[in-house]
Amino acid sequence: MRGREAGTGARWLPIAAVLATTIMAATAMAEQPQLRGKTIKGVYVPKQYLRAKWHKLHFKPWIDKATNEQCLVCHKEILTHKPRKTSPAGWKADSVLAWYQTLDTYEGPQMTFHARHLTSKYARQVMNLKCTFCHQGLDPREEAPGSHAGNQKDAGFTLRKTVDPSKTCLRCHGTFPFQFMEGLEADWSKIRKDFEDEETPNGCLTCHAETYRTVRHQVTYLKPENIEKLAKKSSDVCYGCHGGRKWYRISYPYPRHPWPGMKDVVPETPEWAKNRPTQSEKRYRRK
């Protein structure tokens, strides 16, 4: 009898977990009664949590046209939530410095992930990120590829992941690929002093001002004019996204856009670049 009772309890555990999650989410939604049952920013917010969860805005093709304002009708807590002032171990946030805060382009106190990317001063200067840049729709059912006929397209093999980091995070948080750059023998943080002085505040532009890869950042999620303007003052503007805040051991395979004079300085395509695309993804190209 005890074994049968134990087995019954084990079977109920997953169901209880699902119910607990649903109740917590529904409770959070109930805390904003002014939103329920109304059309806000062109989006109808259902009264029931499960109806909101299966709202068409969470699916293709509607998700591709969703605006930040529409997403934040229900998800505004991602911008209002604040990080801990003191860690569980007792360290105060204002008394320590994380490695990614050491660049000149990191300003102000710690912020949450979403707030830093969407609302910080520097992010608004150089980036034009939308919620849909990372969040391309989410089917609440099993997220394994091919698990059912209605599964989200282009799922790849990102099992149980709502975001594919290889197509999002890696674009700005990969490692610095100095191995592909002629004349560089180590990470930029170690050799920058050899390329910079008072007259040359950004050593990256020693080569990238006129000679190599001068057609860059021409995508809708960045602000290329501002990037080029700010880069004249510090190489941290470049290094910040090209190795200075790396979360991965690999670099992103950026498209190798042809630039004026390319054939003169690089007559033949290098081995590492032979499989690179020559244009950015269609959905990110600037018109």
C-alpha atoms as a PDB file:
ATOM      1  CA  MET A   1       0.000   0.000   0.000  1.00  0.00           C
ATOM      2  CA  ARG A   2       2.792   2.389   0.889  1.00  0.00           C
ATOM      3  CA  GLY A   3       4.490   1.802  -2.469  1.00  0.00           C
ATOM      4  CA  ARG A   4       1.230   2.446  -4.316  1.00  0.00           C
ATOM      5  CA  GLU A   5       0.664   5.645  -2.325  1.00  0.00           C
ATOM      6  CA  ALA A   6       4.207   6.819  -3.035  1.00  0.00           C
ATOM      7  CA  GLY A   7       3.756   6.175  -6.758  1.00  0.00           C
ATOM      8  CA  THR A   8       0.521   8.132  -6.787  1.00  0.00           C
ATOM      9  CA  GLY A   9       2.229  11.056  -5.071  1.00  0.00           C
ATOM     10  CA  ALA A  10       5.070  11.035  -7.589  1.00  0.00           C
ATOM     11  CA  ARG A  11       2.592  11.195 -10.474  1.00  0.00           C
ATOM     12  CA  TRP A  12       0.919  14.228  -8.941  1.00  0.00           C
ATOM     13  CA  LEU A  13       4.160  16.193  -8.518  1.00  0.00           C
ATOM     14  CA  PRO A  14       4.429  17.457 -12.161  1.00  0.00           C
ATOM     15  CA  ILE A  15       0.752  18.429 -12.155  1.00  0.00           C
ATOM     16  CA  ALA A  16       1.172  20.297  -8.878  1.00  0.00           C
ATOM     17  CA  ALA A  17       4.184  22.169 -10.282  1.00  0.00           C
ATOM     18  CA  VAL A  18       2.223  23.253 -13.356  1.00  0.00           C
ATOM     19  CA  LEU A  19      -0.711  24.384 -11.220  1.00  0.00           C
ATOM     20  CA  ALA A  20       1.585  26.348  -8.910  1.00  0.00           C
ATOM     21  CA  THR A  21       3.220  28.136 -11.855  1.00  0.00           C
ATOM     22  CA  THR A  22      -0.151  28.955 -13.398  1.00  0.00           C
ATOM     23  CA  ILE A  23      -1.532  30.278 -10.117  1.00  0.00           C
ATOM     24  CA  MET A  24       1.545  32.471  -9.543  1.00  0.00           C
ATOM     25  CA  ALA A  25       1.347  33.925 -13.056  1.00  0.00           C
ATOM     26  CA  ALA A  26      -2.390  34.460 -12.782  1.00  0.00           C
ATOM     27  CA  THR A  27      -1.885  36.204  -9.449  1.00  0.00           C
ATOM     28  CA  ALA A  28       0.686  38.542 -11.003  1.00  0.00           C
ATOM     29  CA  MET A  29      -1.768  39.380 -13.752  1.00  0.00           C
ATOM     30  CA  ALA A  30      -4.542  39.950 -11.214  1.00  0.00           C
ATOM     31  CA  GLU A  31      -2.404  42.619  -9.566  1.00  0.00           C
ATOM     32  CA  GLN A  32      -2.980  44.787 -12.647  1.00  0.00           C
ATOM     33  CA  PRO A  33      -6.806  44.724 -12.969  1.00  0.00           C
ATOM     34  CA  GLN A  34      -6.777  47.952 -14.977  1.00  0.00           C
ATOM     35  CA  LEU A  35      -5.265  46.022 -17.912  1.00  0.00           C
ATOM     36  CA  ARG A  36      -7.590  43.037 -18.012  1.00  0.00           C
ATOM     37  CA  GLY A  37     -10.323  42.976 -20.611  1.00  0.00           C
ATOM     38  CA  LYS A  38      -9.134  46.137 -22.381  1.00  0.00           C
ATOM     39  CA  THR A  39      -7.396  47.030 -25.620  1.00  0.00           C
ATOM     40  CA  ILE A  40      -4.152  48.842 -24.835  1.00  0.00           C
ATOM     41  CA  LYS A  41      -1.613  49.961 -27.450  1.00  0.00           C
ATOM     42  CA  GLY A  42      -3.639  48.031 -30.015  1.00  0.00           C
ATOM     43  CA  VAL A  43      -3.441  44.781 -28.042  1.00  0.00           C
ATOM     44  CA  TYR A  44      -6.455  43.203 -26.370  1.00  0.00           C
ATOM     45  CA  VAL A  45      -5.545  41.895 -22.917  1.00  0.00           C
ATOM     46  CA  PRO A  46      -7.799  38.947 -22.012  1.00  0.00           C
ATOM     47  CA  LYS A  47      -9.264  38.707 -18.538  1.00  0.00           C
ATOM     48  CA  GLN A  48      -8.100  35.128 -18.039  1.00  0.00           C
ATOM     49  CA  TYR A  49      -4.418  34.240 -17.650  1.00  0.00           C
ATOM     50  CA  LEU A  50      -4.517  31.207 -19.940  1.00  0.00           C
ATOM     51  CA  ARG A  51      -6.181  33.213 -22.706  1.00  0.00           C
ATOM     52  CA  ALA A  52      -3.415  35.789 -22.374  1.00  0.00           C
ATOM     53  CA  LYS A  53      -0.792  33.045 -22.471  1.00  0.00           C
ATOM     54  CA  TRP A  54      -2.154  31.798 -25.794  1.00  0.00           C
ATOM     55  CA  HIS A  55      -2.619  35.288 -27.245  1.00  0.00           C
ATOM     56  CA  LYS A  56      -1.824  35.346 -30.969  1.00  0.00           C
ATOM     57  CA  LEU A  57       0.863  38.010 -30.379  1.00  0.00           C
ATOM     58  CA  HIS A  58       3.041  35.238 -28.927  1.00  0.00           C
ATOM     59  CA  PHE A  59       3.023  33.296 -32.207  1.00  0.00           C
ATOM     60  CA  LYS A  60       4.232  33.598 -35.778  1.00  0.00           C
ATOM     61  CA  PRO A  61       3.583  35.639 -37.870  1.00  0.00           C
ATOM     62  CA  TRP A  62       2.140  38.244 -35.459  1.00  0.00           C
ATOM     63  CA  ILE A  63       5.190  38.262 -33.192  1.00  0.00           C
ATOM     64  CA  ASP A  64       7.303  39.668 -36.046  1.00  0.00           C
ATOM     65  CA  LYS A  65       5.303  42.910 -35.991  1.00  0.00           C
ATOM     66  CA  ALA A  66       4.919  43.237 -32.216  1.00  0.00           C
ATOM     67  CA  THR A  67       6.205  46.504 -30.752  1.00  0.00           C
ATOM     68  CA  ASN A  68       7.967  47.051 -27.432  1.00  0.00           C
ATOM     69  CA  GLU A  69       4.938  48.995 -26.205  1.00  0.00           C
ATOM     70  CA  GLN A  70       2.663  46.050 -26.926  1.00  0.00           C
ATOM     71  CA  CYS A  71       4.946  43.577 -25.166  1.00  0.00           C
ATOM     72  CA  LEU A  72       5.328  45.809 -22.122  1.00  0.00           C
ATOM     73  CA  VAL A  73       1.581  46.023 -21.589  1.00  0.00           C
ATOM     74  CA  CYS A  74       1.850  42.695 -19.767  1.00  0.00           C
ATOM     75  CA  HIS A  75       5.600  42.363 -19.230  1.00  0.00           C
ATOM     76  CA  LYS A  76       6.522  45.771 -17.840  1.00  0.00           C
ATOM     77  CA  GLU A  77       8.030  44.225 -14.700  1.00  0.00           C
ATOM     78  CA  ILE A  78      11.197  43.440 -16.679  1.00  0.00           C
ATOM     79  CA  LEU A  79      11.997  47.167 -16.562  1.00  0.00           C
ATOM     80  CA  THR A  80      10.788  47.983 -13.063  1.00  0.00           C
ATOM     81  CA  HIS A  81      12.456  45.071 -11.267  1.00  0.00           C
ATOM     82  CA  LYS A  82      15.691  46.056  -9.496  1.00  0.00           C
ATOM     83  CA  PRO A  83      18.781  43.943  -8.755  1.00  0.00           C
ATOM     84  CA  ARG A  84      19.774  43.099  -5.195  1.00  0.00           C
ATOM     85  CA  LYS A  85      21.581  45.829  -3.290  1.00  0.00           C
ATOM     86  CA  THR A  86      23.360  43.137  -1.300  1.00  0.00           C
ATOM     87  CA  SER A  87      24.239  39.630  -2.459  1.00  0.00           C
ATOM     88  CA  PRO A  88      23.187  36.559  -0.426  1.00  0.00           C
ATOM     89  CA  ALA A  89      26.841  36.337   0.687  1.00  0.00           C
ATOM     90  CA  GLY A  90      26.725  39.877   2.068  1.00  0.00           C
ATOM     91  CA  TRP A  91      28.591  41.797  -0.646  1.00  0.00           C
ATOM     92  CA  LYS A  92      27.132  45.211  -1.405  1.00  0.00           C
ATOM     93  CA  ALA A  93      26.602  45.975  -5.080  1.00  0.00           C
ATOM     94  CA  ASP A  94      28.135  49.446  -4.836  1.00  0.00           C
ATOM     95  CA  SER A  95      31.331  48.139  -3.219  1.00  0.00           C
ATOM     96  CA  VAL A  96      32.382  45.667  -5.924  1.00  0.00           C
ATOM     97  CA  LEU A  97      33.073  45.948  -9.637  1.00  0.00           C
ATOM     98  CA  ALA A  98      32.139  43.192 -12.091  1.00  0.00           C
ATOM     99  CA  TRP A  99      34.538  42.540 -14.974  1.00  0.00           C
ATOM    100  CA  TYR A 100      32.000  43.790 -17.527  1.00  0.00           C
ATOM    101  CA  GLN A 101      31.763  47.113 -15.664  1.00  0.00           C
ATOM    102  CA  THR A 102      35.420  47.967 -16.252  1.00  0.00           C
ATOM    103  CA  LEU A 103      34.885  49.412 -19.740  1.00  0.00           C
ATOM    104  CA  ASP A 104      34.362  53.156 -20.102  1.00  0.00           C
ATOM    105  CA  THR A 105      31.074  52.534 -21.889  1.00  0.00           C
ATOM    106  CA  TYR A 106      29.499  50.957 -18.790  1.00  0.00           C
ATOM    107  CA  GLU A 107      27.879  53.799 -16.856  1.00  0.00           C
ATOM    108  CA  GLY A 108      25.871  53.983 -13.671  1.00  0.00           C
ATOM    109  CA  PRO A 109      24.935  51.314 -11.113  1.00  0.00           C
ATOM    110  CA  GLN A 110      23.991  47.717 -11.781  1.00  0.00           C
ATOM    111  CA  MET A 111      20.795  47.231 -13.759  1.00  0.00           C
ATOM    112  CA  THR A 112      18.778  44.166 -14.645  1.00  0.00           C
ATOM    113  CA  PHE A 113      19.479  42.440 -17.940  1.00  0.00           C
ATOM    114  CA  HIS A 114      16.463  43.836 -19.812  1.00  0.00           C
ATOM    115  CA  ALA A 115      16.751  47.334 -18.390  1.00  0.00           C
ATOM    116  CA  ARG A 116      20.445  47.564 -19.297  1.00  0.00           C
ATOM    117  CA  HIS A 117      19.768  46.578 -22.917  1.00  0.00           C
ATOM    118  CA  LEU A 118      16.626  48.633 -23.434  1.00  0.00           C
ATOM    119  CA  THR A 119      16.742  51.742 -21.254  1.00  0.00           C
ATOM    120  CA  SER A 120      20.335  52.537 -20.254  1.00  0.00           C
ATOM    121  CA  LYS A 121      21.849  55.711 -21.681  1.00  0.00           C
ATOM    122  CA  TYR A 122      24.536  53.917 -23.675  1.00  0.00           C
ATOM    123  CA  ALA A 123      22.153  51.287 -25.030  1.00  0.00           C
ATOM    124  CA  ARG A 124      19.871  54.013 -26.357  1.00  0.00           C
ATOM    125  CA  GLN A 125      22.856  55.690 -28.004  1.00  0.00           C
ATOM    126  CA  VAL A 126      24.206  52.723 -29.954  1.00  0.00           C
ATOM    127  CA  MET A 127      21.426  50.147 -30.074  1.00  0.00           C
ATOM    128  CA  ASN A 128      17.874  49.955 -31.329  1.00  0.00           C
ATOM    129  CA  LEU A 129      16.878  46.675 -29.711  1.00  0.00           C
ATOM    130  CA  LYS A 130      13.307  45.438 -29.768  1.00  0.00           C
ATOM    131  CA  CYS A 131      11.769  42.756 -27.597  1.00  0.00           C
ATOM    132  CA  THR A 132      11.339  40.655 -30.730  1.00  0.00           C
ATOM    133  CA  PHE A 133      15.067  40.744 -31.481  1.00  0.00           C
ATOM    134  CA  CYS A 134      15.440  37.951 -28.923  1.00  0.00           C
ATOM    135  CA  HIS A 135      11.866  36.774 -28.415  1.00  0.00           C
ATOM    136  CA  GLN A 136      10.630  35.313 -31.679  1.00  0.00           C
ATOM    137  CA  GLY A 137       7.483  33.715 -30.339  1.00  0.00           C
ATOM    138  CA  LEU A 138       6.927  30.905 -27.879  1.00  0.00           C
ATOM    139  CA  ASP A 139       4.664  27.892 -28.157  1.00  0.00           C
ATOM    140  CA  PRO A 140       3.811  26.890 -24.556  1.00  0.00           C
ATOM    141  CA  ARG A 141       3.659  23.242 -25.611  1.00  0.00           C
ATOM    142  CA  GLU A 142       6.672  20.944 -25.770  1.00  0.00           C
ATOM    143  CA  GLU A 143       9.561  22.963 -27.198  1.00  0.00           C
ATOM    144  CA  ALA A 144      11.475  20.085 -28.740  1.00  0.00           C
ATOM    145  CA  PRO A 145      11.812  20.414 -32.553  1.00  0.00           C
ATOM    146  CA  GLY A 146       9.242  18.404 -34.484  1.00  0.00           C
ATOM    147  CA  SER A 147       7.343  17.335 -31.377  1.00  0.00           C
ATOM    148  CA  HIS A 148       4.004  18.317 -32.915  1.00  0.00           C
ATOM    149  CA  ALA A 149       2.577  19.751 -36.129  1.00  0.00           C
ATOM    150  CA  GLY A 150       2.052  23.237 -34.732  1.00  0.00           C
ATOM    151  CA  ASN A 151       5.548  23.720 -33.326  1.00  0.00           C
ATOM    152  CA  GLN A 152       7.234  27.085 -33.912  1.00  0.00           C
ATOM    153  CA  LYS A 153       9.147  27.331 -37.168  1.00  0.00           C
ATOM    154  CA  ASP A 154      12.921  27.634 -37.202  1.00  0.00           C
ATOM    155  CA  ALA A 155      13.160  25.968 -33.798  1.00  0.00           C
ATOM    156  CA  GLY A 156      16.410  24.290 -34.731  1.00  0.00           C
ATOM    157  CA  PHE A 157      17.616  22.225 -31.787  1.00  0.00           C
ATOM    158  CA  THR A 158      17.317  24.836 -29.048  1.00  0.00           C
ATOM    159  CA  LEU A 159      15.597  22.361 -26.774  1.00  0.00           C
ATOM    160  CA  ARG A 160      13.422  24.072 -24.145  1.00  0.00           C
ATOM    161  CA  LYS A 161      14.984  27.473 -24.829  1.00  0.00           C
ATOM    162  CA  THR A 162      12.768  30.459 -25.507  1.00  0.00           C
ATOM    163  CA  VAL A 163      15.668  32.354 -27.105  1.00  0.00           C
ATOM    164  CA  ASP A 164      18.437  31.071 -29.380  1.00  0.00           C
ATOM    165  CA  PRO A 165      21.627  32.672 -27.974  1.00  0.00           C
ATOM    166  CA  SER A 166      23.677  31.770 -31.065  1.00  0.00           C
ATOM    167  CA  LYS A 167      21.535  34.176 -33.104  1.00  0.00           C
ATOM    168  CA  THR A 168      21.084  36.879 -30.479  1.00  0.00           C
ATOM    169  CA  CYS A 169      23.462  37.160 -27.492  1.00  0.00           C
ATOM    170  CA  LEU A 170      26.513  35.937 -29.412  1.00  0.00           C
ATOM    171  CA  ARG A 171      26.289  38.870 -31.847  1.00  0.00           C
ATOM    172  CA  CYS A 172      27.590  41.222 -29.140  1.00  0.00           C
ATOM    173  CA  HIS A 173      29.016  38.907 -26.490  1.00  0.00           C
ATOM    174  CA  GLY A 174      31.427  36.694 -28.384  1.00  0.00           C
ATOM    175  CA  THR A 175      35.180  36.544 -27.914  1.00  0.00           C
ATOM    176  CA  PHE A 176      37.671  38.832 -29.652  1.00  0.00           C
ATOM    177  CA  PRO A 177      38.919  36.938 -32.775  1.00  0.00           C
ATOM    178  CA  PHE A 178      42.437  38.383 -32.889  1.00  0.00           C
ATOM    179  CA  GLN A 179      43.639  35.225 -34.675  1.00  0.00           C
ATOM    180  CA  PHE A 180      41.989  36.484 -37.863  1.00  0.00           C
ATOM    181  CA  MET A 181      43.553  39.947 -37.706  1.00  0.00           C
ATOM    182  CA  GLU A 182      46.955  40.614 -39.208  1.00  0.00           C
ATOM    183  CA  GLY A 183      49.395  42.117 -36.720  1.00  0.00           C
ATOM    184  CA  LEU A 184      47.485  41.163 -33.562  1.00  0.00           C
ATOM    185  CA  GLU A 185      48.936  38.515 -31.271  1.00  0.00           C
ATOM    186  CA  ALA A 186      46.668  38.646 -28.225  1.00  0.00           C
ATOM    187  CA  ASP A 187      43.377  39.950 -26.872  1.00  0.00           C
ATOM    188  CA  TRP A 188      42.804  43.669 -27.344  1.00  0.00           C
ATOM    189  CA  SER A 189      42.923  44.333 -23.602  1.00  0.00           C
ATOM    190  CA  LYS A 190      46.568  43.197 -23.586  1.00  0.00           C
ATOM    191  CA  ILE A 191      47.872  44.924 -26.716  1.00  0.00           C
ATOM    192  CA  ARG A 192      45.837  48.112 -26.995  1.00  0.00           C
ATOM    193  CA  LYS A 193      48.598  50.170 -25.375  1.00  0.00           C
ATOM    194  CA  ASP A 194      50.751  49.484 -28.461  1.00  0.00           C
ATOM    195  CA  PHE A 195      48.165  51.057 -30.762  1.00  0.00           C
ATOM    196  CA  GLU A 196      46.868  53.986 -28.742  1.00  0.00           C
ATOM    197  CA  ASP A 197      48.148  57.334 -27.493  1.00  0.00           C
ATOM    198  CA  GLU A 198      46.728  60.821 -26.936  1.00  0.00           C
ATOM    199  CA  GLU A 199      46.432  61.421 -30.679  1.00  0.00           C
ATOM    200  CA  THR A 200      44.981  57.967 -31.352  1.00  0.00           C
ATOM    201  CA  PRO A 201      42.371  57.258 -28.649  1.00  0.00           C
ATOM    202  CA  ASN A 202      40.911  54.347 -30.612  1.00  0.00           C
ATOM    203  CA  GLY A 203      43.535  51.938 -31.896  1.00  0.00           C
ATOM    204  CA  CYS A 204      40.895  49.894 -33.718  1.00  0.00           C
ATOM    205  CA  LEU A 205      40.570  52.708 -36.258  1.00  0.00           C
ATOM    206  CA  THR A 206      44.244  52.349 -37.127  1.00  0.00           C
ATOM    207  CA  CYS A 207      43.086  49.652 -39.536  1.00  0.00           C
ATOM    208  CA  HIS A 208      39.323  49.958 -39.557  1.00  0.00           C
ATOM    209  CA  ALA A 209      39.032  53.642 -40.411  1.00  0.00           C
ATOM    210  CA  GLU A 210      39.881  53.240 -44.098  1.00  0.00           C
ATOM    211  CA  THR A 211      41.543  49.884 -44.819  1.00  0.00           C
ATOM    212  CA  TYR A 212      39.597  46.902 -43.475  1.00  0.00           C
ATOM    213  CA  ARG A 213      35.884  46.158 -42.952  1.00  0.00           C
ATOM    214  CA  THR A 214      34.739  49.762 -43.313  1.00  0.00           C
ATOM    215  CA  VAL A 215      31.150  48.765 -44.170  1.00  0.00           C
ATOM    216  CA  ARG A 216      29.738  47.690 -40.831  1.00  0.00           C
ATOM    217  CA  HIS A 217      26.838  47.928 -38.381  1.00  0.00           C
ATOM    218  CA  GLN A 218      24.296  48.400 -41.190  1.00  0.00           C
ATOM    219  CA  VAL A 219      21.530  46.564 -39.366  1.00  0.00           C
ATOM    220  CA  THR A 220      18.264  47.761 -37.875  1.00  0.00           C
ATOM    221  CA  TYR A 221      19.122  46.766 -34.298  1.00  0.00           C
ATOM    222  CA  LEU A 222      22.128  49.114 -34.188  1.00  0.00           C
ATOM    223  CA  LYS A 223      22.664  52.842 -34.725  1.00  0.00           C
ATOM    224  CA  PRO A 224      25.699  52.884 -37.043  1.00  0.00           C
ATOM    225  CA  GLU A 225      26.137  56.664 -37.228  1.00  0.00           C
ATOM    226  CA  ASN A 226      26.271  57.004 -33.444  1.00  0.00           C
ATOM    227  CA  ILE A 227      28.619  54.055 -33.093  1.00  0.00           C
ATOM    228  CA  GLU A 228      31.095  55.558 -35.559  1.00  0.00           C
ATOM    229  CA  LYS A 229      30.851  58.960 -33.857  1.00  0.00           C
ATOM    230  CA  LEU A 230      31.447  57.617 -30.356  1.00  0.00           C
ATOM    231  CA  ALA A 231      34.196  55.260 -31.551  1.00  0.00           C
ATOM    232  CA  LYS A 232      36.434  58.207 -32.412  1.00  0.00           C
ATOM    233  CA  LYS A 233      36.849  58.853 -28.681  1.00  0.00           C
ATOM    234  CA  SER A 234      37.529  55.361 -27.317  1.00  0.00           C
ATOM    235  CA  SER A 235      38.189  51.798 -28.488  1.00  0.00           C
ATOM    236  CA  ASP A 236      35.927  50.605 -25.678  1.00  0.00           C
ATOM    237  CA  VAL A 237      33.048  51.465 -28.009  1.00  0.00           C
ATOM    238  CA  CYS A 238      34.330  48.783 -30.392  1.00  0.00           C
ATOM    239  CA  TYR A 239      35.791  46.348 -27.885  1.00  0.00           C
ATOM    240  CA  GLY A 240      32.684  46.507 -25.712  1.00  0.00           C
ATOM    241  CA  CYS A 241      30.750  44.429 -28.260  1.00  0.00           C
ATOM    242  CA  HIS A 242      33.694  42.643 -29.861  1.00  0.00           C
ATOM    243  CA  GLY A 243      35.205  40.810 -26.906  1.00  0.00           C
ATOM    244  CA  GLY A 244      35.077  43.194 -23.961  1.00  0.00           C
ATOM    245  CA  ARG A 245      31.913  41.697 -22.536  1.00  0.00           C
ATOM    246  CA  LYS A 246      32.275  38.170 -23.823  1.00  0.00           C
ATOM    247  CA  TRP A 247      30.055  35.447 -22.436  1.00  0.00           C
ATOM    248  CA  TYR A 248      31.140  32.879 -25.024  1.00  0.00           C
ATOM    249  CA  ARG A 249      34.457  31.328 -26.036  1.00  0.00           C
ATOM    250  CA  ILE A 250      33.637  31.722 -29.711  1.00  0.00           C
ATOM    251  CA  SER A 251      33.067  34.806 -31.838  1.00  0.00           C
ATOM    252  CA  TYR A 252      30.026  35.553 -33.958  1.00  0.00           C
ATOM    253  CA  PRO A 253      30.568  34.867 -37.695  1.00  0.00           C
ATOM    254  CA  TYR A 254      29.658  38.370 -38.867  1.00  0.00           C
ATOM    255  CA  PRO A 255      28.762  38.806 -42.554  1.00  0.00           C
ATOM    256  CA  ARG A 256      31.739  40.031 -44.567  1.00  0.00           C
ATOM    257  CA  HIS A 257      30.225  42.981 -46.413  1.00  0.00           C
ATOM    258  CA  PRO A 258      32.296  44.162 -49.397  1.00  0.00           C
ATOM    259  CA  TRP A 259      33.865  47.572 -48.792  1.00  0.00           C
ATOM    260  CA  PRO A 260      35.472  50.161 -51.106  1.00  0.00           C
ATOM    261  CA  GLY A 261      38.993  49.081 -52.029  1.00  0.00           C
ATOM    262  CA  MET A 262      38.473  45.578 -50.633  1.00  0.00           C
ATOM    263  CA  LYS A 263      40.070  43.806 -53.605  1.00  0.00           C
ATOM    264  CA  ASP A 264      43.153  46.010 -53.387  1.00  0.00           C
ATOM    265  CA  VAL A 265      43.998  45.131 -49.773  1.00  0.00           C
ATOM    266  CA  VAL A 266      42.538  41.604 -49.730  1.00  0.00           C
ATOM    267  CA  PRO A 267      42.753  40.177 -53.280  1.00  0.00           C
ATOM    268  CA  GLU A 268      41.679  36.700 -52.173  1.00  0.00           C
ATOM    269  CA  THR A 269      39.138  35.690 -49.568  1.00  0.00           C
ATOM    270  CA  PRO A 270      40.909  34.429 -46.411  1.00  0.00           C
ATOM    271  CA  GLU A 271      40.337  30.828 -45.432  1.00  0.00           C
ATOM    272  CA  TRP A 272      38.379  31.778 -42.295  1.00  0.00           C
ATOM    273  CA  ALA A 273      36.006  33.955 -44.332  1.00  0.00           C
ATOM    274  CA  LYS A 274      35.183  31.618 -47.205  1.00  0.00           C
ATOM    275  CA  ASN A 275      31.925  30.404 -45.679  1.00  0.00           C
ATOM    276  CA  ARG A 276      30.843  33.793 -44.345  1.00  0.00           C
ATOM    277  CA  PRO A 277      27.752  35.433 -45.854  1.00  0.00           C
ATOM    278  CA  THR A 278      28.324  38.739 -47.642  1.00  0.00           C
ATOM    279  CA  GLN A 279      25.036  40.318 -46.505  1.00  0.00           C
ATOM    280  CA  SER A 280      23.246  40.674 -43.175  1.00  0.00           C
ATOM    281  CA  GLU A 281      20.081  38.696 -42.542  1.00  0.00           C
ATOM    282  CA  LYS A 282      17.230  40.012 -44.643  1.00  0.00           C
ATOM    283  CA  ARG A 283      15.018  40.922 -41.699  1.00  0.00           C
ATOM    284  CA  TYR A 284      17.765  43.141 -40.225  1.00  0.00           C
ATOM    285  CA  ARG A 285      18.949  44.907 -43.360  1.00  0.00           C
ATOM    286  CA  ARG A 286      18.610  48.654 -43.524  1.00  0.00           C
ATOM    287  CA  LYS A 287      16.557  49.880 -46.442  1.00  0.00           C
END
